[in-house]
Amino acid sequence: MESTGELAWFRAEILRSLLHPFDFARSLAREHYGLAGVLVAIIAGFALSIAIDAMILTSKSFSPFAFLPQVLVDSVFLGIRLAVTVAIVASVGYYAARLLRGRDLTLDQAYTAFSFALAPLVLAPIAAVLVLLAPDLLPVAGAITILAILRAIVGLGINLRALLPPAVAVVPFVVMLLTSALVMGDQISRVRFAGYAIAPQLVEDLRATPMTGTTFEAADFTIVLPAGWKNVTSGAQGEAARYESDVAELRVARAGGVPLATADSYADSASIAERQGLENGFRERTVVRINGVIAVDDQYGGTYQGRRVVYRQFTAVPRTQGLALIFHFVEPANEPAALAEAASIAATWRIKDASQ
């Protein structure tokens, strides 16, 4: 009976934070929520992960049920991670407020203010249910997820305002948001790429004139290379193909079994080997469309053993497979022209069955 009563109280507090946020916020100064705040954060992370994974899989024309074990495991880990993140962010916000107002805000209040602000994310699985019932409702599912996240941000502001004067509350509010963006940057990026899948018109086409020349065909893509390039594919693990010219090299990396990956996450892993040992490095990233496929356009490089090296990499993860075009230039005579040639070649890149 006691556990039932605690569970009923917990449900009621979540509903109160959702439906009557100002009333709930006023109670933060006089009530102690303890482990309830931790549980809210875990549930919120679990729910958000399910919604994001469902949208990513649906955008690739997969049923989330086909990857249910992986979806559930990812959700558990994100729930735990979000609870830890809330502790870190709340601590930062607490010390920021303490510098301004002494002991007006306790660490428990800061944690509860942030964790219960995440309560709207508990509704995120509605998005997953919608895409399961009708994949065409993917845009609606995306809107629901974004609204839940925005409502969480508003809830944090309301909670902190109830505990601190407006001029003081704004400091921990901004600090908490910035810290969250740093700690949960990968999840923010996954939401962004899920949004691109829902509304690809948000992404510009690659601005490059397609190259003319010889068409090279592989099992899962075709590409056009100008005169002077030749196929030197070695069959190395993780390499779909390799081409060379007198001044450059193009390696096509391939990774299978990444249905929940987005182009940016695979781009990071595909470029690890190239970025090792670089000094005075630089890196620029944009997101583009190449023949209808969302791709990450990376330009990076630096100095390696005293020589200038430059890379341009185009990465896409249309279904369960990640593909990356990795152009490598060593001390190019005309760096902008070399990078432009890479873009013109990439503009001919067509991934087979990307929409099936």
Protein backbone atom coordinates (compact mmCIF):
# COMPACT_ATOMS: atom_id res chain seq x y z
CA MET A 1 0.00 0.00 0.00
CA GLU A 2 2.84 2.37 0.82
CA SER A 3 4.55 1.76 -2.52
CA THR A 4 1.23 2.22 -4.30
CA GLY A 5 0.75 5.50 -2.48
CA GLU A 6 4.24 6.67 -3.44
CA LEU A 7 3.65 5.69 -7.04
CA ALA A 8 0.36 7.58 -7.09
CA TRP A 9 2.08 10.64 -5.59
CA PHE A 10 4.84 10.39 -8.22
CA ARG A 11 2.34 10.23 -11.08
CA ALA A 12 0.41 13.14 -9.62
CA GLU A 13 3.54 15.29 -9.33
CA ILE A 14 4.51 14.59 -12.92
CA LEU A 15 1.03 15.55 -14.08
CA ARG A 16 1.10 18.66 -11.92
CA SER A 17 4.43 19.73 -13.40
CA LEU A 18 2.95 19.23 -16.87
CA LEU A 19 -0.51 20.71 -16.44
CA HIS A 20 0.08 23.24 -13.66
CA PRO A 21 3.74 24.23 -14.02
CA PHE A 22 3.50 27.45 -12.01
CA ASP A 23 1.79 25.70 -9.09
CA PHE A 24 4.41 22.95 -9.16
CA ALA A 25 7.24 25.49 -9.34
CA ARG A 26 5.98 27.23 -6.18
CA SER A 27 6.20 23.93 -4.29
CA LEU A 28 9.92 23.52 -5.04
CA ALA A 29 10.91 25.86 -2.22
CA ARG A 30 9.02 23.94 0.48
CA GLU A 31 8.93 20.29 -0.62
CA HIS A 32 11.70 17.68 -0.88
CA TYR A 33 11.48 15.42 -3.94
CA GLY A 34 14.66 13.39 -3.45
CA LEU A 35 14.93 10.32 -5.67
CA ALA A 36 11.75 11.26 -7.54
CA GLY A 37 13.80 13.79 -9.48
CA VAL A 38 16.31 11.09 -10.48
CA LEU A 39 13.50 8.81 -11.64
CA VAL A 40 11.93 11.56 -13.75
CA ALA A 41 15.26 12.18 -15.50
CA ILE A 42 15.73 8.47 -16.23
CA ILE A 43 12.20 8.09 -17.61
CA ALA A 44 12.56 11.27 -19.68
CA GLY A 45 15.82 10.04 -21.23
CA PHE A 46 14.31 6.63 -21.92
CA ALA A 47 11.27 8.20 -23.60
CA LEU A 48 13.27 10.69 -25.67
CA SER A 49 15.61 7.99 -26.95
CA ILE A 50 12.69 5.85 -28.11
CA ALA A 51 11.17 8.79 -29.99
CA ILE A 52 14.44 9.75 -31.71
CA ASP A 53 15.30 6.18 -32.67
CA ALA A 54 11.80 5.59 -34.04
CA MET A 55 12.02 8.71 -36.22
CA ILE A 56 15.50 7.84 -37.53
CA LEU A 57 14.48 4.27 -38.37
CA THR A 58 11.22 5.37 -39.98
CA SER A 59 13.06 7.97 -42.08
CA LYS A 60 15.13 5.05 -43.44
CA SER A 61 11.94 3.07 -44.17
CA PHE A 62 12.52 0.60 -41.33
CA SER A 63 10.07 -0.57 -38.70
CA PRO A 64 11.33 0.23 -35.17
CA PHE A 65 10.09 -3.24 -34.15
CA ALA A 66 12.80 -4.76 -36.35
CA PHE A 67 15.45 -3.21 -34.08
CA LEU A 68 13.54 -3.28 -30.80
CA PRO A 69 16.33 -4.81 -28.62
CA GLN A 70 18.83 -2.17 -29.74
CA VAL A 71 16.27 0.61 -29.31
CA LEU A 72 15.51 -0.50 -25.75
CA VAL A 73 19.19 -0.86 -24.78
CA ASP A 74 19.96 2.60 -26.17
CA SER A 75 16.99 4.00 -24.26
CA VAL A 76 18.15 2.56 -20.94
CA PHE A 77 21.63 3.98 -21.39
CA LEU A 78 20.32 7.41 -22.39
CA GLY A 79 18.00 7.44 -19.36
CA ILE A 80 20.91 6.78 -17.00
CA ARG A 81 23.09 9.24 -18.86
CA LEU A 82 20.44 11.96 -18.66
CA ALA A 83 20.12 11.49 -14.89
CA VAL A 84 23.88 11.93 -14.54
CA THR A 85 23.79 14.91 -16.90
CA VAL A 86 21.10 16.57 -14.79
CA ALA A 87 23.32 16.15 -11.72
CA ILE A 88 26.23 17.81 -13.52
CA VAL A 89 24.14 20.62 -14.97
CA ALA A 90 22.30 21.22 -11.69
CA SER A 91 25.61 21.46 -9.85
CA VAL A 92 26.88 24.03 -12.32
CA GLY A 93 23.64 26.01 -12.02
CA TYR A 94 23.72 25.77 -8.22
CA TYR A 95 27.23 27.19 -7.97
CA ALA A 96 26.41 29.90 -10.50
CA ALA A 97 23.42 31.00 -8.39
CA ARG A 98 25.41 30.69 -5.18
CA LEU A 99 28.03 33.12 -6.48
CA LEU A 100 25.26 35.65 -6.96
CA ARG A 101 22.91 35.00 -4.04
CA GLY A 102 24.72 32.96 -1.42
CA ARG A 103 22.59 30.00 -0.30
CA ASP A 104 19.20 30.95 -1.77
CA LEU A 105 19.22 27.88 -4.04
CA THR A 106 20.04 24.41 -2.71
CA LEU A 107 21.55 21.64 -4.82
CA ASP A 108 18.45 19.49 -4.30
CA GLN A 109 16.23 22.31 -5.55
CA ALA A 110 18.44 22.86 -8.57
CA TYR A 111 18.32 19.15 -9.44
CA THR A 112 14.56 18.92 -8.97
CA ALA A 113 13.96 22.11 -10.95
CA PHE A 114 15.83 20.67 -13.92
CA SER A 115 14.71 17.04 -13.67
CA PHE A 116 10.99 17.80 -13.39
CA ALA A 117 11.35 20.35 -16.19
CA LEU A 118 12.12 17.31 -18.34
CA ALA A 119 8.71 15.78 -17.58
CA PRO A 120 7.29 16.78 -21.01
CA LEU A 121 9.79 14.40 -22.61
CA VAL A 122 7.82 11.55 -21.04
CA LEU A 123 5.26 12.26 -23.79
CA ALA A 124 7.85 11.87 -26.57
CA PRO A 125 6.96 8.18 -27.23
CA ILE A 126 3.69 9.49 -28.69
CA ALA A 127 5.86 10.36 -31.67
CA ALA A 128 7.06 6.74 -31.87
CA VAL A 129 3.47 5.45 -31.73
CA LEU A 130 2.46 7.79 -34.56
CA VAL A 131 5.20 6.63 -36.93
CA LEU A 132 4.43 3.01 -36.09
CA LEU A 133 0.78 3.50 -36.96
CA ALA A 134 1.47 5.56 -40.07
CA PRO A 135 5.00 6.35 -41.32
CA ASP A 136 3.53 9.29 -43.26
CA LEU A 137 2.97 10.98 -39.89
CA LEU A 138 6.74 11.37 -39.46
CA PRO A 139 6.54 15.20 -39.73
CA VAL A 140 3.85 15.28 -37.03
CA ALA A 141 5.96 13.01 -34.82
CA GLY A 142 8.93 15.34 -35.29
CA ALA A 143 6.83 18.37 -34.34
CA ILE A 144 5.63 16.63 -31.15
CA THR A 145 9.22 15.80 -30.14
CA ILE A 146 10.42 19.36 -30.76
CA LEU A 147 7.47 20.79 -28.80
CA ALA A 148 8.25 18.47 -25.88
CA ILE A 149 11.87 19.69 -25.84
CA LEU A 150 10.79 23.36 -26.04
CA ARG A 151 8.27 22.79 -23.24
CA ALA A 152 11.08 21.33 -21.11
CA ILE A 153 13.16 24.48 -21.64
CA VAL A 154 10.22 26.68 -20.69
CA GLY A 155 9.59 24.51 -17.63
CA LEU A 156 13.17 24.97 -16.47
CA GLY A 157 12.74 28.73 -16.69
CA ILE A 158 9.49 28.59 -14.70
CA ASN A 159 11.03 26.41 -11.99
CA LEU A 160 14.13 28.55 -11.55
CA ARG A 161 12.06 31.74 -11.52
CA ALA A 162 10.03 30.37 -8.62
CA LEU A 163 13.22 29.81 -6.62
CA LEU A 164 15.19 32.93 -7.52
CA PRO A 165 14.60 36.58 -8.44
CA PRO A 166 14.38 37.13 -12.22
CA ALA A 167 17.75 38.88 -12.51
CA VAL A 168 19.43 35.99 -10.71
CA ALA A 169 17.41 33.11 -12.23
CA VAL A 170 18.53 33.97 -15.74
CA VAL A 171 22.16 33.11 -14.90
CA PRO A 172 21.68 29.45 -13.84
CA PHE A 173 19.07 29.10 -16.61
CA VAL A 174 21.56 30.07 -19.33
CA VAL A 175 24.38 28.13 -17.67
CA MET A 176 22.24 25.00 -17.45
CA LEU A 177 21.20 25.22 -21.11
CA LEU A 178 24.77 25.75 -22.31
CA THR A 179 26.09 22.92 -20.16
CA SER A 180 23.33 20.62 -21.43
CA ALA A 181 24.23 21.46 -25.02
CA LEU A 182 27.85 20.52 -24.35
CA VAL A 183 27.15 17.30 -22.46
CA MET A 184 24.29 16.10 -24.69
CA GLY A 185 25.62 17.43 -27.99
CA ASP A 186 25.39 14.06 -29.71
CA GLN A 187 21.70 13.68 -28.88
CA ILE A 188 20.98 17.23 -30.02
CA SER A 189 22.67 16.34 -33.30
CA ARG A 190 20.54 13.19 -33.63
CA VAL A 191 17.41 15.28 -33.20
CA ARG A 192 18.73 17.67 -35.86
CA PHE A 193 19.37 14.88 -38.36
CA ALA A 194 15.99 13.34 -37.64
CA GLY A 195 14.59 16.76 -38.52
CA TYR A 196 16.53 16.77 -41.79
CA ALA A 197 15.04 13.39 -42.64
CA ILE A 198 11.56 14.77 -41.98
CA ALA A 199 12.13 18.02 -43.89
CA PRO A 200 15.05 17.53 -46.33
CA GLN A 201 14.19 20.86 -47.93
CA LEU A 202 15.90 22.46 -44.93
CA VAL A 203 19.22 21.29 -46.40
CA GLU A 204 20.73 22.89 -49.49
CA ASP A 205 21.99 20.86 -52.43
CA LEU A 206 25.75 20.57 -52.79
CA ARG A 207 26.90 23.63 -54.72
CA ALA A 208 29.15 22.02 -57.30
CA THR A 209 29.00 21.26 -61.00
CA PRO A 210 28.98 17.47 -61.47
CA MET A 211 32.22 16.13 -62.87
CA THR A 212 32.36 14.58 -66.33
CA GLY A 213 34.52 11.60 -67.13
CA THR A 214 34.51 7.86 -66.49
CA THR A 215 31.77 6.26 -64.40
CA PHE A 216 33.01 3.79 -61.80
CA GLU A 217 30.44 1.39 -60.41
CA ALA A 218 30.53 -0.51 -57.13
CA ALA A 219 27.97 -2.77 -55.50
CA ASP A 220 26.18 0.05 -53.70
CA PHE A 221 27.20 3.28 -55.46
CA THR A 222 28.40 4.87 -58.68
CA ILE A 223 30.76 7.82 -59.09
CA VAL A 224 32.26 9.76 -61.99
CA LEU A 225 35.98 10.55 -62.03
CA PRO A 226 37.86 12.76 -64.50
CA ALA A 227 40.73 11.67 -66.72
CA GLY A 228 43.84 10.73 -64.81
CA TRP A 229 42.08 8.80 -62.03
CA LYS A 230 42.37 5.04 -61.77
CA ASN A 231 40.85 2.30 -59.63
CA VAL A 232 43.33 0.89 -57.10
CA THR A 233 40.85 -0.87 -54.84
CA SER A 234 42.71 -3.12 -52.42
CA GLY A 235 39.87 -5.00 -50.74
CA ALA A 236 40.97 -3.79 -47.31
CA GLN A 237 38.45 -4.21 -44.50
CA GLY A 238 36.09 -1.26 -44.23
CA GLU A 239 37.08 0.02 -47.66
CA ALA A 240 34.51 -0.12 -50.46
CA ALA A 241 36.88 1.26 -53.11
CA ARG A 242 40.03 3.32 -53.61
CA TYR A 243 40.98 5.59 -56.51
CA GLU A 244 44.11 7.61 -57.20
CA SER A 245 45.37 10.37 -59.44
CA ASP A 246 48.81 11.94 -59.69
CA VAL A 247 47.95 14.48 -56.98
CA ALA A 248 45.18 12.98 -54.86
CA GLU A 249 43.61 9.87 -53.41
CA LEU A 250 39.96 8.97 -52.87
CA ARG A 251 39.07 6.27 -50.38
CA VAL A 252 35.46 5.12 -50.07
CA ALA A 253 34.85 3.86 -46.55
CA ARG A 254 31.99 1.52 -45.75
CA ALA A 255 30.48 0.41 -42.44
CA GLY A 256 27.55 -1.95 -42.11
CA GLY A 257 25.06 -2.46 -39.31
CA VAL A 258 24.48 1.19 -38.43
CA PRO A 259 20.69 1.61 -38.79
CA LEU A 260 20.50 4.03 -35.85
CA ALA A 261 23.52 6.07 -36.91
CA THR A 262 23.26 9.50 -38.47
CA ALA A 263 25.63 10.90 -41.06
CA ASP A 264 27.51 13.07 -38.57
CA SER A 265 28.22 10.24 -36.13
CA TYR A 266 29.57 8.00 -38.87
CA ALA A 267 31.56 10.92 -40.33
CA ASP A 268 33.38 11.27 -37.01
CA SER A 269 34.28 7.58 -36.83
CA ALA A 270 35.25 7.37 -40.52
CA SER A 271 37.73 10.24 -40.21
CA ILE A 272 39.49 9.12 -37.01
CA ALA A 273 42.41 7.48 -38.80
CA GLU A 274 42.96 10.48 -41.09
CA ARG A 275 42.93 12.99 -38.23
CA GLN A 276 45.44 11.13 -36.07
CA GLY A 277 48.83 12.82 -35.81
CA LEU A 278 47.74 16.08 -37.44
CA GLU A 279 49.24 19.26 -36.06
CA ASN A 280 47.82 22.78 -36.44
CA GLY A 281 44.61 21.10 -37.50
CA PHE A 282 41.43 22.69 -38.79
CA ARG A 283 37.94 21.37 -39.42
CA GLU A 284 34.78 22.74 -41.05
CA ARG A 285 31.44 20.96 -41.37
CA THR A 286 28.26 21.60 -43.32
CA VAL A 287 25.26 19.45 -44.17
CA VAL A 288 24.22 19.12 -47.82
CA ARG A 289 22.06 17.03 -50.13
CA ILE A 290 23.77 14.96 -52.80
CA ASN A 291 21.32 13.58 -55.36
CA GLY A 292 18.57 13.52 -52.75
CA VAL A 293 20.63 11.97 -49.93
CA ILE A 294 21.51 13.91 -46.77
CA ALA A 295 25.29 14.02 -46.39
CA VAL A 296 27.88 15.66 -44.15
CA ASP A 297 30.51 17.71 -45.96
CA ASP A 298 33.72 17.90 -43.88
CA GLN A 299 36.88 19.81 -44.72
CA TYR A 300 39.81 19.14 -42.40
CA GLY A 301 43.55 18.84 -42.37
CA GLY A 302 46.75 20.21 -40.91
CA THR A 303 50.42 19.40 -40.88
CA TYR A 304 51.67 15.82 -40.83
CA GLN A 305 55.42 15.20 -40.55
CA GLY A 306 56.09 18.71 -41.80
CA ARG A 307 53.82 18.45 -44.85
CA ARG A 308 50.48 20.15 -45.46
CA VAL A 309 47.67 17.60 -45.84
CA VAL A 310 44.04 18.41 -46.65
CA TYR A 311 40.95 16.22 -46.64
CA ARG A 312 37.44 16.65 -47.94
CA GLN A 313 34.98 14.04 -46.81
CA PHE A 314 31.36 13.42 -47.77
CA THR A 315 29.44 11.02 -45.52
CA ALA A 316 25.96 9.51 -45.77
CA VAL A 317 24.05 6.80 -43.89
CA PRO A 318 20.96 6.14 -46.02
CA ARG A 319 19.94 2.82 -44.42
CA THR A 320 21.91 0.28 -42.40
CA GLN A 321 25.14 1.16 -44.14
CA GLY A 322 27.43 4.14 -43.84
CA LEU A 323 29.45 5.36 -46.81
CA ALA A 324 32.11 8.07 -46.87
CA LEU A 325 34.07 9.61 -49.73
CA ILE A 326 37.44 10.63 -48.25
CA PHE A 327 39.57 12.79 -50.56
CA HIS A 328 43.21 13.15 -49.50
CA PHE A 329 45.55 15.84 -50.85
CA VAL A 330 49.22 16.24 -49.89
CA GLU A 331 50.64 19.74 -50.32
CA PRO A 332 48.18 20.66 -53.10
CA ALA A 333 49.47 23.36 -55.45
CA ASN A 334 46.05 25.02 -55.45
CA GLU A 335 44.13 24.01 -52.34
CA PRO A 336 40.77 25.70 -53.19
CA ALA A 337 40.84 24.11 -56.65
CA ALA A 338 41.59 20.68 -55.17
CA LEU A 339 38.70 20.95 -52.73
CA ALA A 340 36.41 22.17 -55.52
CA GLU A 341 37.35 19.16 -57.66
CA ALA A 342 36.44 16.88 -54.75
CA ALA A 343 33.03 18.55 -54.53
CA SER A 344 32.47 18.14 -58.29
CA ILE A 345 33.26 14.44 -58.04
CA ALA A 346 31.01 14.06 -54.99
CA ALA A 347 28.17 15.71 -56.94
CA THR A 348 28.14 12.61 -59.19
CA TRP A 349 27.89 10.21 -56.22
CA ARG A 350 24.75 8.10 -56.41
CA ILE A 351 23.99 5.59 -53.70
CA LYS A 352 21.99 2.64 -54.98
CA ASP A 353 18.64 1.82 -53.39
CA ALA A 354 19.01 4.73 -50.93
CA SER A 355 15.24 5.15 -50.73
CA GLN A 356 14.30 1.48 -50.57
